PDB file of N, CA and C in Angstrom:
ATOM      1  N   UNK A   1       7.652  19.807   4.157  1.00  0.00           N
ATOM      2  CA  UNK A   1       8.911  19.304   4.551  1.00  0.00           C
ATOM      3  C   UNK A   1       9.856  19.399   3.344  1.00  0.00           C
ATOM      4  N   UNK A   2       9.420  19.041   2.150  1.00  0.00           N
ATOM      5  CA  UNK A   2      10.234  19.121   0.950  1.00  0.00           C
ATOM      6  C   UNK A   2      10.697  20.621   0.735  1.00  0.00           C
ATOM      7  N   UNK A   3       9.769  21.514   0.897  1.00  0.00           N
ATOM      8  CA  UNK A   3      10.093  22.946   0.710  1.00  0.00           C
ATOM      9  C   UNK A   3      11.170  23.398   1.709  1.00  0.00           C
ATOM     10  N   UNK A   4      11.228  22.823   2.861  1.00  0.00           N
ATOM     11  CA  UNK A   4      12.241  23.131   3.859  1.00  0.00           C
ATOM     12  C   UNK A   4      13.524  22.435   3.702  1.00  0.00           C
ATOM     13  N   UNK A   5      13.615  21.564   2.574  1.00  0.00           N
ATOM     14  CA  UNK A   5      14.859  20.835   2.257  1.00  0.00           C
ATOM     15  C   UNK A   5      14.939  19.566   3.046  1.00  0.00           C
ATOM     16  N   UNK A   6      13.913  19.020   3.613  1.00  0.00           N
ATOM     17  CA  UNK A   6      13.916  17.777   4.331  1.00  0.00           C
ATOM     18  C   UNK A   6      13.617  16.599   3.393  1.00  0.00           C
ATOM     19  N   UNK A   7      14.448  15.638   3.336  1.00  0.00           N
ATOM     20  CA  UNK A   7      14.182  14.482   2.547  1.00  0.00           C
ATOM     21  C   UNK A   7      13.058  13.666   3.159  1.00  0.00           C
ATOM     22  N   UNK A   8      12.200  13.153   2.345  1.00  0.00           N
ATOM     23  CA  UNK A   8      11.068  12.375   2.788  1.00  0.00           C
ATOM     24  C   UNK A   8      11.189  10.978   2.168  1.00  0.00           C
ATOM     25  N   UNK A   9      11.076   9.907   3.016  1.00  0.00           N
ATOM     26  CA  UNK A   9      11.070   8.559   2.585  1.00  0.00           C
ATOM     27  C   UNK A   9       9.797   7.964   3.090  1.00  0.00           C
ATOM     28  N   UNK A  10       9.243   7.149   2.226  1.00  0.00           N
ATOM     29  CA  UNK A  10       7.933   6.516   2.561  1.00  0.00           C
ATOM     30  C   UNK A  10       7.770   5.232   1.819  1.00  0.00           C
ATOM     31  N   UNK A  11       6.852   4.409   2.252  1.00  0.00           N
ATOM     32  CA  UNK A  11       6.381   3.285   1.511  1.00  0.00           C
ATOM     33  C   UNK A  11       4.861   3.315   1.335  1.00  0.00           C
ATOM     34  N   UNK A  12       4.366   2.735   0.258  1.00  0.00           N
ATOM     35  CA  UNK A  12       2.926   2.658   0.095  1.00  0.00           C
ATOM     36  C   UNK A  12       2.665   1.449  -0.792  1.00  0.00           C
ATOM     37  N   UNK A  13       1.395   1.049  -0.751  1.00  0.00           N
ATOM     38  CA  UNK A  13       0.950  -0.114  -1.576  1.00  0.00           C
ATOM     39  C   UNK A  13       0.334   0.548  -2.783  1.00  0.00           C
ATOM     40  N   UNK A  14       0.311  -0.148  -3.883  1.00  0.00           N
ATOM     41  CA  UNK A  14      -0.179   0.378  -5.162  1.00  0.00           C
ATOM     42  C   UNK A  14      -1.598   0.886  -5.066  1.00  0.00           C
ATOM     43  N   UNK A  15      -2.413   0.229  -4.296  1.00  0.00           N
ATOM     44  CA  UNK A  15      -3.815   0.648  -4.170  1.00  0.00           C
ATOM     45  C   UNK A  15      -4.042   2.031  -3.516  1.00  0.00           C
ATOM     46  N   UNK A  16      -2.979   2.586  -2.901  1.00  0.00           N
ATOM     47  CA  UNK A  16      -3.105   3.869  -2.322  1.00  0.00           C
ATOM     48  C   UNK A  16      -2.719   5.001  -3.294  1.00  0.00           C
ATOM     49  N   UNK A  17      -2.287   4.683  -4.488  1.00  0.00           N
ATOM     50  CA  UNK A  17      -1.989   5.728  -5.554  1.00  0.00           C
ATOM     51  C   UNK A  17      -3.278   6.059  -6.153  1.00  0.00           C
ATOM     52  N   UNK A  18      -3.611   7.377  -5.992  1.00  0.00           N
ATOM     53  CA  UNK A  18      -4.939   7.865  -6.388  1.00  0.00           C
ATOM     54  C   UNK A  18      -5.353   7.477  -7.755  1.00  0.00           C
ATOM     55  N   UNK A  19      -4.560   7.535  -8.769  1.00  0.00           N
ATOM     56  CA  UNK A  19      -4.928   7.218 -10.144  1.00  0.00           C
ATOM     57  C   UNK A  19      -5.158   5.811 -10.390  1.00  0.00           C
ATOM     58  N   UNK A  20      -4.561   4.906  -9.509  1.00  0.00           N
ATOM     59  CA  UNK A  20      -4.686   3.457  -9.655  1.00  0.00           C
ATOM     60  C   UNK A  20      -5.707   2.827  -8.762  1.00  0.00           C
ATOM     61  N   UNK A  21      -6.328   3.617  -7.822  1.00  0.00           N
ATOM     62  CA  UNK A  21      -7.224   3.126  -6.800  1.00  0.00           C
ATOM     63  C   UNK A  21      -8.423   2.378  -7.451  1.00  0.00           C
ATOM     64  N   UNK A  22      -9.073   2.985  -8.498  1.00  0.00           N
ATOM     65  CA  UNK A  22     -10.184   2.278  -9.178  1.00  0.00           C
ATOM     66  C   UNK A  22      -9.830   1.030  -9.798  1.00  0.00           C
ATOM     67  N   UNK A  23      -8.680   0.988 -10.524  1.00  0.00           N
ATOM     68  CA  UNK A  23      -8.234  -0.129 -11.204  1.00  0.00           C
ATOM     69  C   UNK A  23      -7.955  -1.356 -10.210  1.00  0.00           C
ATOM     70  N   UNK A  24      -7.244  -1.032  -9.129  1.00  0.00           N
ATOM     71  CA  UNK A  24      -6.948  -2.035  -8.128  1.00  0.00           C
ATOM     72  C   UNK A  24      -8.188  -2.578  -7.439  1.00  0.00           C
ATOM     73  N   UNK A  25      -9.105  -1.666  -7.199  1.00  0.00           N
ATOM     74  CA  UNK A  25     -10.367  -2.041  -6.574  1.00  0.00           C
ATOM     75  C   UNK A  25     -11.185  -2.999  -7.536  1.00  0.00           C
ATOM     76  N   UNK A  26     -11.164  -2.748  -8.774  1.00  0.00           N
ATOM     77  CA  UNK A  26     -11.873  -3.621  -9.716  1.00  0.00           C
ATOM     78  C   UNK A  26     -11.200  -5.049  -9.745  1.00  0.00           C
ATOM     79  N   UNK A  27      -9.917  -5.087  -9.629  1.00  0.00           N
ATOM     80  CA  UNK A  27      -9.131  -6.351  -9.638  1.00  0.00           C
ATOM     81  C   UNK A  27      -9.314  -7.118  -8.366  1.00  0.00           C
ATOM     82  N   UNK A  28      -9.168  -6.435  -7.210  1.00  0.00           N
ATOM     83  CA  UNK A  28      -9.118  -7.047  -5.921  1.00  0.00           C
ATOM     84  C   UNK A  28     -10.452  -7.061  -5.207  1.00  0.00           C
ATOM     85  N   UNK A  29     -11.406  -6.198  -5.593  1.00  0.00           N
ATOM     86  CA  UNK A  29     -12.618  -6.148  -4.839  1.00  0.00           C
ATOM     87  C   UNK A  29     -12.531  -5.326  -3.545  1.00  0.00           C
ATOM     88  N   UNK A  30     -11.309  -4.713  -3.324  1.00  0.00           N
ATOM     89  CA  UNK A  30     -11.152  -3.923  -2.127  1.00  0.00           C
ATOM     90  C   UNK A  30     -10.776  -2.471  -2.482  1.00  0.00           C
ATOM     91  N   UNK A  31     -11.567  -1.597  -1.922  1.00  0.00           N
ATOM     92  CA  UNK A  31     -11.255  -0.163  -2.176  1.00  0.00           C
ATOM     93  C   UNK A  31     -10.753   0.437  -0.879  1.00  0.00           C
ATOM     94  N   UNK A  32      -9.590   1.132  -0.982  1.00  0.00           N
ATOM     95  CA  UNK A  32      -9.041   1.851   0.134  1.00  0.00           C
ATOM     96  C   UNK A  32      -9.423   3.287   0.017  1.00  0.00           C
ATOM     97  N   UNK A  33      -9.641   3.923   1.185  1.00  0.00           N
ATOM     98  CA  UNK A  33     -10.063   5.351   1.238  1.00  0.00           C
ATOM     99  C   UNK A  33      -8.841   6.258   1.314  1.00  0.00           C
ATOM    100  N   UNK A  34      -7.776   5.800   1.867  1.00  0.00           N
ATOM    101  CA  UNK A  34      -6.541   6.608   2.002  1.00  0.00           C
ATOM    102  C   UNK A  34      -5.705   6.561   0.791  1.00  0.00           C
ATOM    103  N   UNK A  35      -5.714   7.619  -0.002  1.00  0.00           N
ATOM    104  CA  UNK A  35      -4.940   7.647  -1.242  1.00  0.00           C
ATOM    105  C   UNK A  35      -3.915   8.785  -1.263  1.00  0.00           C
ATOM    106  N   UNK A  36      -2.867   8.692  -2.133  1.00  0.00           N
ATOM    107  CA  UNK A  36      -1.892   9.694  -2.213  1.00  0.00           C
ATOM    108  C   UNK A  36      -2.079  10.282  -3.600  1.00  0.00           C
ATOM    109  N   UNK A  37      -2.158  11.609  -3.722  1.00  0.00           N
ATOM    110  CA  UNK A  37      -2.342  12.237  -5.002  1.00  0.00           C
ATOM    111  C   UNK A  37      -1.110  11.940  -5.987  1.00  0.00           C
ATOM    112  N   UNK A  38      -1.403  11.754  -7.224  1.00  0.00           N
ATOM    113  CA  UNK A  38      -0.313  11.494  -8.144  1.00  0.00           C
ATOM    114  C   UNK A  38       0.792  12.557  -8.160  1.00  0.00           C
ATOM    115  N   UNK A  39       0.321  13.796  -7.843  1.00  0.00           N
ATOM    116  CA  UNK A  39       1.300  14.908  -7.870  1.00  0.00           C
ATOM    117  C   UNK A  39       2.349  14.742  -6.790  1.00  0.00           C
ATOM    118  N   UNK A  40       2.066  14.012  -5.729  1.00  0.00           N
ATOM    119  CA  UNK A  40       3.055  13.734  -4.656  1.00  0.00           C
ATOM    120  C   UNK A  40       4.156  12.829  -5.282  1.00  0.00           C
ATOM    121  N   UNK A  41       3.714  11.790  -6.043  1.00  0.00           N
ATOM    122  CA  UNK A  41       4.647  10.892  -6.717  1.00  0.00           C
ATOM    123  C   UNK A  41       5.493  11.607  -7.740  1.00  0.00           C
ATOM    124  N   UNK A  42       4.810  12.532  -8.467  1.00  0.00           N
ATOM    125  CA  UNK A  42       5.542  13.240  -9.520  1.00  0.00           C
ATOM    126  C   UNK A  42       6.639  14.149  -8.995  1.00  0.00           C
ATOM    127  N   UNK A  43       6.540  14.523  -7.716  1.00  0.00           N
ATOM    128  CA  UNK A  43       7.555  15.382  -7.125  1.00  0.00           C
ATOM    129  C   UNK A  43       8.750  14.594  -6.687  1.00  0.00           C
ATOM    130  N   UNK A  44       8.635  13.209  -6.661  1.00  0.00           N
ATOM    131  CA  UNK A  44       9.720  12.378  -6.200  1.00  0.00           C
ATOM    132  C   UNK A  44      10.996  12.404  -7.114  1.00  0.00           C
ATOM    133  N   UNK A  45      12.112  12.401  -6.466  1.00  0.00           N
ATOM    134  CA  UNK A  45      13.348  12.393  -7.247  1.00  0.00           C
ATOM    135  C   UNK A  45      13.692  10.939  -7.644  1.00  0.00           C
ATOM    136  N   UNK A  46      13.141  10.027  -6.823  1.00  0.00           N
ATOM    137  CA  UNK A  46      13.433   8.574  -7.064  1.00  0.00           C
ATOM    138  C   UNK A  46      12.313   7.729  -6.537  1.00  0.00           C
ATOM    139  N   UNK A  47      11.928   6.709  -7.301  1.00  0.00           N
ATOM    140  CA  UNK A  47      10.870   5.814  -6.817  1.00  0.00           C
ATOM    141  C   UNK A  47      11.452   4.427  -6.998  1.00  0.00           C
ATOM    142  N   UNK A  48      11.404   3.581  -6.022  1.00  0.00           N
ATOM    143  CA  UNK A  48      11.829   2.152  -6.131  1.00  0.00           C
ATOM    144  C   UNK A  48      10.613   1.257  -5.967  1.00  0.00           C
ATOM    145  N   UNK A  49      10.447   0.320  -6.950  1.00  0.00           N
ATOM    146  CA  UNK A  49       9.446  -0.632  -6.897  1.00  0.00           C
ATOM    147  C   UNK A  49       9.952  -1.907  -6.206  1.00  0.00           C
ATOM    148  N   UNK A  50       9.257  -2.311  -5.244  1.00  0.00           N
ATOM    149  CA  UNK A  50       9.671  -3.595  -4.480  1.00  0.00           C
ATOM    150  C   UNK A  50       8.456  -4.453  -4.545  1.00  0.00           C
ATOM    151  N   UNK A  51       8.625  -5.626  -5.184  1.00  0.00           N
ATOM    152  CA  UNK A  51       7.618  -6.606  -5.349  1.00  0.00           C
ATOM    153  C   UNK A  51       7.816  -7.764  -4.377  1.00  0.00           C
ATOM    154  N   UNK A  52       6.977  -8.001  -3.460  1.00  0.00           N
ATOM    155  CA  UNK A  52       7.088  -9.071  -2.502  1.00  0.00           C
ATOM    156  C   UNK A  52       6.293 -10.215  -2.937  1.00  0.00           C
ATOM    157  N   UNK A  53       6.712 -11.476  -2.618  1.00  0.00           N
ATOM    158  CA  UNK A  53       5.801 -12.604  -2.875  1.00  0.00           C
ATOM    159  C   UNK A  53       4.578 -12.482  -1.997  1.00  0.00           C
ATOM    160  N   UNK A  54       3.378 -12.919  -2.477  1.00  0.00           N
ATOM    161  CA  UNK A  54       2.158 -12.758  -1.682  1.00  0.00           C
ATOM    162  C   UNK A  54       2.216 -13.320  -0.329  1.00  0.00           C
ATOM    163  N   UNK A  55       2.977 -14.389  -0.128  1.00  0.00           N
ATOM    164  CA  UNK A  55       3.045 -15.002   1.214  1.00  0.00           C
ATOM    165  C   UNK A  55       3.648 -14.084   2.264  1.00  0.00           C
ATOM    166  N   UNK A  56       4.524 -13.173   1.899  1.00  0.00           N
ATOM    167  CA  UNK A  56       5.187 -12.280   2.854  1.00  0.00           C
ATOM    168  C   UNK A  56       4.218 -11.343   3.505  1.00  0.00           C
ATOM    169  N   UNK A  57       3.429 -10.551   2.779  1.00  0.00           N
ATOM    170  CA  UNK A  57       2.445  -9.669   3.447  1.00  0.00           C
ATOM    171  C   UNK A  57       1.334 -10.422   4.146  1.00  0.00           C
ATOM    172  N   UNK A  58       0.927 -11.538   3.587  1.00  0.00           N
ATOM    173  CA  UNK A  58      -0.118 -12.350   4.285  1.00  0.00           C
ATOM    174  C   UNK A  58       0.354 -12.805   5.631  1.00  0.00           C
ATOM    175  N   UNK A  59       1.678 -13.307   5.657  1.00  0.00           N
ATOM    176  CA  UNK A  59       2.236 -13.691   6.977  1.00  0.00           C
ATOM    177  C   UNK A  59       2.342 -12.540   7.914  1.00  0.00           C
ATOM    178  N   UNK A  60       2.711 -11.332   7.430  1.00  0.00           N
ATOM    179  CA  UNK A  60       2.792 -10.190   8.284  1.00  0.00           C
ATOM    180  C   UNK A  60       1.431  -9.782   8.820  1.00  0.00           C
ATOM    181  N   UNK A  61       0.387  -9.950   8.061  1.00  0.00           N
ATOM    182  CA  UNK A  61      -0.978  -9.635   8.501  1.00  0.00           C
ATOM    183  C   UNK A  61      -1.329 -10.651   9.658  1.00  0.00           C
ATOM    184  N   UNK A  62      -1.092 -11.911   9.403  1.00  0.00           N
ATOM    185  CA  UNK A  62      -1.364 -12.925  10.489  1.00  0.00           C
ATOM    186  C   UNK A  62      -0.630 -12.632  11.737  1.00  0.00           C
ATOM    187  N   UNK A  63       0.578 -12.118  11.671  1.00  0.00           N
ATOM    188  CA  UNK A  63       1.347 -11.806  12.857  1.00  0.00           C
ATOM    189  C   UNK A  63       0.920 -10.551  13.529  1.00  0.00           C
ATOM    190  N   UNK A  64      -0.033  -9.813  12.942  1.00  0.00           N
ATOM    191  CA  UNK A  64      -0.511  -8.559  13.462  1.00  0.00           C
ATOM    192  C   UNK A  64       0.435  -7.384  13.198  1.00  0.00           C
ATOM    193  N   UNK A  65       1.278  -7.490  12.248  1.00  0.00           N
ATOM    194  CA  UNK A  65       2.254  -6.432  11.945  1.00  0.00           C
ATOM    195  C   UNK A  65       1.696  -5.389  10.949  1.00  0.00           C
ATOM    196  N   UNK A  66       0.515  -5.607  10.389  1.00  0.00           N
ATOM    197  CA  UNK A  66       0.055  -4.738   9.338  1.00  0.00           C
ATOM    198  C   UNK A  66      -1.161  -3.997   9.837  1.00  0.00           C
ATOM    199  N   UNK A  67      -2.142  -4.697  10.418  1.00  0.00           N
ATOM    200  CA  UNK A  67      -3.411  -4.094  10.873  1.00  0.00           C
ATOM    201  C   UNK A  67      -3.684  -4.389  12.251  1.00  0.00           C
ATOM    202  N   UNK A  68      -4.544  -3.661  12.851  1.00  0.00           N
ATOM    203  CA  UNK A  68      -4.975  -3.898  14.277  1.00  0.00           C
ATOM    204  C   UNK A  68      -5.705  -5.248  14.221  1.00  0.00           C
ATOM    205  N   UNK A  69      -5.795  -5.967  15.377  1.00  0.00           N
ATOM    206  CA  UNK A  69      -6.558  -7.245  15.258  1.00  0.00           C
ATOM    207  C   UNK A  69      -7.911  -7.228  14.652  1.00  0.00           C
ATOM    208  N   UNK A  70      -8.772  -6.246  14.885  1.00  0.00           N
ATOM    209  CA  UNK A  70     -10.076  -6.173  14.329  1.00  0.00           C
ATOM    210  C   UNK A  70     -10.029  -6.059  12.775  1.00  0.00           C
ATOM    211  N   UNK A  71      -9.137  -5.233  12.312  1.00  0.00           N
ATOM    212  CA  UNK A  71      -8.962  -5.096  10.874  1.00  0.00           C
ATOM    213  C   UNK A  71      -8.364  -6.302  10.207  1.00  0.00           C
ATOM    214  N   UNK A  72      -7.468  -6.934  10.937  1.00  0.00           N
ATOM    215  CA  UNK A  72      -6.787  -8.114  10.348  1.00  0.00           C
ATOM    216  C   UNK A  72      -7.837  -9.209  10.065  1.00  0.00           C
ATOM    217  N   UNK A  73      -8.920  -9.266  10.819  1.00  0.00           N
ATOM    218  CA  UNK A  73      -9.994 -10.272  10.575  1.00  0.00           C
ATOM    219  C   UNK A  73     -10.543 -10.134   9.168  1.00  0.00           C
ATOM    220  N   UNK A  74     -10.522  -8.907   8.573  1.00  0.00           N
ATOM    221  CA  UNK A  74     -11.070  -8.764   7.255  1.00  0.00           C
ATOM    222  C   UNK A  74     -10.050  -9.043   6.197  1.00  0.00           C
ATOM    223  N   UNK A  75      -8.792  -9.293   6.586  1.00  0.00           N
ATOM    224  CA  UNK A  75      -7.774  -9.567   5.566  1.00  0.00           C
ATOM    225  C   UNK A  75      -7.877 -11.023   5.104  1.00  0.00           C
ATOM    226  N   UNK A  76      -7.213 -11.313   3.961  1.00  0.00           N
ATOM    227  CA  UNK A  76      -7.344 -12.709   3.457  1.00  0.00           C
ATOM    228  C   UNK A  76      -7.082 -13.760   4.465  1.00  0.00           C
ATOM    229  N   UNK A  77      -7.959 -14.770   4.505  1.00  0.00           N
ATOM    230  CA  UNK A  77      -7.832 -15.859   5.499  1.00  0.00           C
ATOM    231  C   UNK A  77      -6.726 -16.747   4.988  1.00  0.00           C
ATOM    232  N   UNK A  78      -6.680 -17.086   3.697  1.00  0.00           N
ATOM    233  CA  UNK A  78      -5.723 -18.044   3.297  1.00  0.00           C
ATOM    234  C   UNK A  78      -5.580 -17.983   1.762  1.00  0.00           C
ATOM    235  N   UNK A  79      -4.437 -17.805   1.199  1.00  0.00           N
ATOM    236  CA  UNK A  79      -4.269 -17.913  -0.181  1.00  0.00           C
ATOM    237  C   UNK A  79      -3.013 -18.663  -0.434  1.00  0.00           C
ATOM    238  N   UNK A  80      -3.034 -19.456  -1.445  1.00  0.00           N
ATOM    239  CA  UNK A  80      -1.876 -20.270  -1.837  1.00  0.00           C
ATOM    240  C   UNK A  80      -1.187 -19.741  -3.016  1.00  0.00           C
ATOM    241  N   UNK A  81      -1.208 -18.357  -3.117  1.00  0.00           N
ATOM    242  CA  UNK A  81      -0.707 -17.772  -4.361  1.00  0.00           C
ATOM    243  C   UNK A  81       0.824 -18.059  -4.495  1.00  0.00           C
TER     244      UNK A  81
END
């Protein structure tokens, strides 16, 4: 798409960045299989870092907005971070 001149916008969590996958897995105990190669990020003209309070994504998971119900069961039950 980029080669065709189409702008691409996307969001991703830090654990999906290939070079950070191992580090995040050591910290969180969760390893994701779906990663984005660092070369994709290196091609970006602009990257914006958005840091949400932990309560926001946890609430989105509880509301079923992040994972399918079966996957949501494996998400954090409760954190008071």
